[in-house]
């Protein structure tokens, strides 16, 4: 059974695995934006079989933080391209 996501949360982006999700979550948290990770499969059995880090993850943020979160990620991508 899939867990219900809080009605105040909106989808920000999907990433390939738990590691990427945790990096995004940490980046946003360091900028004052709370992120919630949602695993696209039932974590209980999948973690045992393939390992948590190999599963797709969706990143959600509060509705009021969505624009700020997008701006943070966009500016980070621009910084990476400049290097």
Protein backbone atom coordinates (compact mmCIF):
# COMPACT_ATOMS: atom_id res chain seq x y z
CA UNK A 1 0.00 0.00 0.00
CA UNK A 2 1.38 3.41 -0.96
CA UNK A 3 1.64 6.07 1.73
CA UNK A 4 -0.43 9.20 1.21
CA UNK A 5 1.66 12.30 0.67
CA UNK A 6 0.66 15.38 2.69
CA UNK A 7 -1.73 17.61 0.72
CA UNK A 8 0.59 20.57 1.33
CA UNK A 9 3.46 18.85 -0.52
CA UNK A 10 4.13 19.20 -4.25
CA UNK A 11 6.37 17.17 -6.53
CA UNK A 12 9.69 18.90 -7.21
CA UNK A 13 11.65 16.32 -9.19
CA UNK A 14 12.48 12.66 -9.56
CA UNK A 15 15.97 11.25 -9.15
CA UNK A 16 17.55 7.89 -9.95
CA UNK A 17 18.38 6.72 -6.45
CA UNK A 18 18.46 7.36 -2.72
CA UNK A 19 21.93 8.90 -2.84
CA UNK A 20 20.84 11.61 -5.28
CA UNK A 21 17.69 12.18 -3.25
CA UNK A 22 19.67 12.65 -0.04
CA UNK A 23 22.03 15.12 -1.75
CA UNK A 24 19.07 17.18 -3.02
CA UNK A 25 17.39 16.96 0.38
CA UNK A 26 20.58 18.16 2.11
CA UNK A 27 21.10 21.02 -0.34
CA UNK A 28 17.55 22.25 0.10
CA UNK A 29 17.72 21.83 3.87
CA UNK A 30 20.91 23.91 4.02
CA UNK A 31 18.96 26.68 2.26
CA UNK A 32 16.00 26.48 4.66
CA UNK A 33 13.68 24.35 2.49
CA UNK A 34 12.28 21.14 3.96
CA UNK A 35 12.20 18.30 1.42
CA UNK A 36 10.45 14.95 1.70
CA UNK A 37 11.69 11.88 -0.16
CA UNK A 38 9.17 9.36 -1.44
CA UNK A 39 10.34 6.04 -2.76
CA UNK A 40 8.60 4.90 -5.92
CA UNK A 41 8.42 1.30 -4.70
CA UNK A 42 7.44 -0.41 -1.47
CA UNK A 43 10.65 0.21 0.48
CA UNK A 44 10.12 -2.64 2.91
CA UNK A 45 10.72 -5.49 0.47
CA UNK A 46 12.70 -3.69 -2.22
CA UNK A 47 15.45 -2.59 0.17
CA UNK A 48 16.13 -6.21 1.04
CA UNK A 49 16.19 -7.34 -2.60
CA UNK A 50 17.96 -4.55 -4.49
CA UNK A 51 19.17 -2.13 -1.86
CA UNK A 52 17.60 1.21 -1.05
CA UNK A 53 20.13 3.18 -3.05
CA UNK A 54 19.11 1.55 -6.33
CA UNK A 55 15.48 2.69 -6.31
CA UNK A 56 13.97 5.81 -7.92
CA UNK A 57 13.04 8.58 -5.50
CA UNK A 58 10.62 11.50 -5.81
CA UNK A 59 11.43 14.75 -4.02
CA UNK A 60 8.55 16.79 -2.61
CA UNK A 61 8.52 20.22 -0.96
CA UNK A 62 5.87 22.38 0.70
CA UNK A 63 3.75 24.35 -1.77
CA UNK A 64 5.00 27.67 -0.41
CA UNK A 65 8.64 26.56 -0.85
CA UNK A 66 8.32 25.25 -4.41
CA UNK A 67 9.56 28.39 -6.22
CA UNK A 68 12.47 28.81 -3.80
CA UNK A 69 13.42 25.13 -4.19
CA UNK A 70 13.37 25.37 -8.00
CA UNK A 71 15.49 28.51 -7.84
CA UNK A 72 18.03 26.77 -5.55
CA UNK A 73 18.31 23.77 -7.87
CA UNK A 74 18.48 25.92 -11.00
CA UNK A 75 21.23 28.10 -9.52
CA UNK A 76 23.17 25.01 -8.43
CA UNK A 77 22.96 23.59 -11.97
CA UNK A 78 24.21 26.91 -13.39
CA UNK A 79 27.12 26.88 -10.92
CA UNK A 80 28.05 23.35 -11.99
CA UNK A 81 27.99 24.30 -15.67
CA UNK A 82 30.34 27.23 -15.01
CA UNK A 83 32.98 24.97 -13.45
